[in-house]
C-alpha atoms as a PDB file:
ATOM      1  CA  MET A   1       0.000   0.000   0.000  1.00  0.00           C
ATOM      2  CA  GLY A   2       2.866   2.347   0.763  1.00  0.00           C
ATOM      3  CA  LEU A   3       4.450   1.716  -2.625  1.00  0.00           C
ATOM      4  CA  SER A   4       1.154   2.381  -4.402  1.00  0.00           C
ATOM      5  CA  THR A   5       0.492   5.561  -2.435  1.00  0.00           C
ATOM      6  CA  GLY A   6       4.007   6.837  -3.042  1.00  0.00           C
ATOM      7  CA  THR A   7       3.735   6.154  -6.759  1.00  0.00           C
ATOM      8  CA  PHE A   8       0.372   7.868  -7.036  1.00  0.00           C
ATOM      9  CA  LEU A   9       1.427  10.928  -5.033  1.00  0.00           C
ATOM     10  CA  SER A  10       4.683  11.385  -6.947  1.00  0.00           C
ATOM     11  CA  VAL A  11       2.834  11.347 -10.279  1.00  0.00           C
ATOM     12  CA  ASP A  12       0.106  13.586  -8.865  1.00  0.00           C
ATOM     13  CA  PHE A  13       2.596  16.184  -7.655  1.00  0.00           C
ATOM     14  CA  ALA A  14       4.553  16.010 -10.928  1.00  0.00           C
ATOM     15  CA  LEU A  15       1.372  16.778 -12.869  1.00  0.00           C
ATOM     16  CA  SER A  16       0.484  19.539 -10.418  1.00  0.00           C
ATOM     17  CA  VAL A  17       3.880  21.186 -10.794  1.00  0.00           C
ATOM     18  CA  ARG A  18       3.599  20.989 -14.568  1.00  0.00           C
ATOM     19  CA  VAL A  19       0.448  23.122 -14.672  1.00  0.00           C
ATOM     20  CA  LEU A  20       1.525  25.713 -12.094  1.00  0.00           C
ATOM     21  CA  PRO A  21       1.159  29.254 -13.437  1.00  0.00           C
ATOM     22  CA  ASP A  22       4.572  30.572 -12.352  1.00  0.00           C
ATOM     23  CA  LYS A  23       7.686  28.573 -11.520  1.00  0.00           C
ATOM     24  CA  ASP A  24       8.943  31.354  -9.219  1.00  0.00           C
ATOM     25  CA  ASP A  25       5.888  30.913  -6.970  1.00  0.00           C
ATOM     26  CA  ALA A  26       5.899  27.113  -7.065  1.00  0.00           C
ATOM     27  CA  ALA A  27       6.367  26.741  -3.292  1.00  0.00           C
ATOM     28  CA  LYS A  28       3.458  29.075  -2.546  1.00  0.00           C
ATOM     29  CA  ASN A  29       1.218  27.343  -5.053  1.00  0.00           C
ATOM     30  CA  LEU A  30       2.085  23.881  -3.734  1.00  0.00           C
ATOM     31  CA  ALA A  31       1.335  25.122  -0.209  1.00  0.00           C
ATOM     32  CA  ILE A  32      -2.105  26.214  -1.404  1.00  0.00           C
ATOM     33  CA  PHE A  33      -2.496  22.793  -3.026  1.00  0.00           C
ATOM     34  CA  ASN A  34      -1.640  21.144   0.302  1.00  0.00           C
ATOM     35  CA  VAL A  35      -4.061  23.329   2.281  1.00  0.00           C
ATOM     36  CA  ALA A  36      -6.824  22.554  -0.220  1.00  0.00           C
ATOM     37  CA  GLY A  37      -6.237  18.863   0.376  1.00  0.00           C
ATOM     38  CA  LYS A  38      -5.937  19.001   4.153  1.00  0.00           C
ATOM     39  CA  LEU A  39      -8.609  21.584   4.998  1.00  0.00           C
ATOM     40  CA  PRO A  40     -11.540  19.208   4.402  1.00  0.00           C
ATOM     41  CA  GLU A  41      -9.848  16.588   6.571  1.00  0.00           C
ATOM     42  CA  SER A  42      -9.803  19.048   9.453  1.00  0.00           C
ATOM     43  CA  LEU A  43     -13.306  20.510   8.966  1.00  0.00           C
ATOM     44  CA  VAL A  44     -15.402  17.380   8.423  1.00  0.00           C
ATOM     45  CA  PRO A  45     -14.883  16.010  11.968  1.00  0.00           C
ATOM     46  CA  PHE A  46     -16.544  19.185  13.273  1.00  0.00           C
ATOM     47  CA  MET A  47     -19.244  19.415  10.603  1.00  0.00           C
ATOM     48  CA  GLY A  48     -20.120  15.715  10.593  1.00  0.00           C
ATOM     49  CA  PRO A  49     -21.699  15.579  14.052  1.00  0.00           C
ATOM     50  CA  ALA A  50     -23.627  18.794  13.367  1.00  0.00           C
ATOM     51  CA  LEU A  51     -25.039  17.381  10.121  1.00  0.00           C
ATOM     52  CA  LEU A  52     -25.862  14.100  11.840  1.00  0.00           C
ATOM     53  CA  ALA A  53     -27.734  15.999  14.550  1.00  0.00           C
ATOM     54  CA  LEU A  54     -29.664  18.049  11.974  1.00  0.00           C
ATOM     55  CA  GLY A  55     -30.728  15.349   9.546  1.00  0.00           C
ATOM     56  CA  GLY A  56     -28.960  12.091  10.220  1.00  0.00           C
ATOM     57  CA  TYR A  57     -26.883  10.216   7.696  1.00  0.00           C
ATOM     58  CA  ILE A  58     -29.044  11.424   4.822  1.00  0.00           C
ATOM     59  CA  ALA A  59     -28.065  15.057   5.482  1.00  0.00           C
ATOM     60  CA  LEU A  60     -24.414  14.106   5.934  1.00  0.00           C
ATOM     61  CA  PHE A  61     -24.186  12.132   2.691  1.00  0.00           C
ATOM     62  CA  LEU A  62     -26.185  14.709   0.713  1.00  0.00           C
ATOM     63  CA  PHE A  63     -23.835  17.453   1.887  1.00  0.00           C
ATOM     64  CA  LEU A  64     -20.734  15.409   1.107  1.00  0.00           C
ATOM     65  CA  GLY A  65     -22.125  14.457  -2.307  1.00  0.00           C
ATOM     66  CA  ALA A  66     -22.862  18.105  -3.117  1.00  0.00           C
ATOM     67  CA  ALA A  67     -19.363  19.109  -1.990  1.00  0.00           C
ATOM     68  CA  GLY A  68     -17.870  16.382  -4.196  1.00  0.00           C
ATOM     69  CA  LEU A  69     -19.850  17.571  -7.222  1.00  0.00           C
ATOM     70  CA  LEU A  70     -18.785  21.173  -6.638  1.00  0.00           C
ATOM     71  CA  GLY A  71     -15.163  20.024  -6.430  1.00  0.00           C
ATOM     72  CA  ALA A  72     -15.519  18.091  -9.690  1.00  0.00           C
ATOM     73  CA  LEU A  73     -17.049  21.127 -11.401  1.00  0.00           C
ATOM     74  CA  ALA A  74     -14.151  23.276 -10.210  1.00  0.00           C
ATOM     75  CA  CYS A  75     -11.721  20.898 -11.953  1.00  0.00           C
ATOM     76  CA  PHE A  76     -13.176  21.677 -15.383  1.00  0.00           C
ATOM     77  CA  ARG A  77     -11.260  24.966 -15.438  1.00  0.00           C
ATOM     78  CA  LEU A  78      -7.905  23.204 -14.992  1.00  0.00           C
ATOM     79  CA  PRO A  79      -5.916  22.891 -18.219  1.00  0.00           C
ATOM     80  CA  GLU A  80      -4.972  19.479 -19.520  1.00  0.00           C
ATOM     81  CA  VAL A  81      -1.347  18.449 -19.307  1.00  0.00           C
ATOM     82  CA  GLY A  82       0.318  19.189 -22.634  1.00  0.00           C
ATOM     83  CA  ARG A  83      -2.274  21.829 -23.520  1.00  0.00           C
ATOM     84  CA  GLU A  84      -1.303  24.422 -20.921  1.00  0.00           C
ATOM     85  CA  HIS A  85      -0.835  27.238 -23.414  1.00  0.00           C
ATOM     86  CA  GLU A  86      -3.996  26.710 -25.424  1.00  0.00           C
ATOM     87  CA  THR A  87      -6.818  29.058 -24.621  1.00  0.00           C
ATOM     88  CA  SER A  88     -10.419  28.041 -24.591  1.00  0.00           C
ATOM     89  CA  ARG A  89     -13.641  29.346 -23.230  1.00  0.00           C
ATOM     90  CA  TRP A  90     -13.603  26.975 -20.271  1.00  0.00           C
ATOM     91  CA  SER A  91     -10.006  26.687 -19.116  1.00  0.00           C
ATOM     92  CA  ALA A  92      -8.157  29.169 -16.976  1.00  0.00           C
ATOM     93  CA  PRO A  93      -5.118  30.743 -18.666  1.00  0.00           C
ATOM     94  CA  ILE A  94      -1.656  29.760 -17.496  1.00  0.00           C
ATOM     95  CA  THR A  95       1.175  32.232 -17.767  1.00  0.00           C
ATOM     96  CA  ARG A  96       4.778  31.233 -17.388  1.00  0.00           C
ATOM     97  CA  SER A  97       7.762  33.511 -17.279  1.00  0.00           C
END
């Protein structure tokens, strides 16, 4: 499991670094990437009991499903690897110095 996780994370970070907007701010952007990954892990233990108290497991799973869909929709604006410099109506522009 450790080998699989290490392989996945190394490829994931390599792809993330490839689409960063500015190589000079790579550390800052990777820190934001890390916070975006760890923030839900720290908020859900506080929100979970509140959602369970309000509506049970149905409310909890509906909220988590909606959050997952919003996260998937946010990924549509990310450029594809190898097409970073193409502009389209949907993707966010990437500028590199």
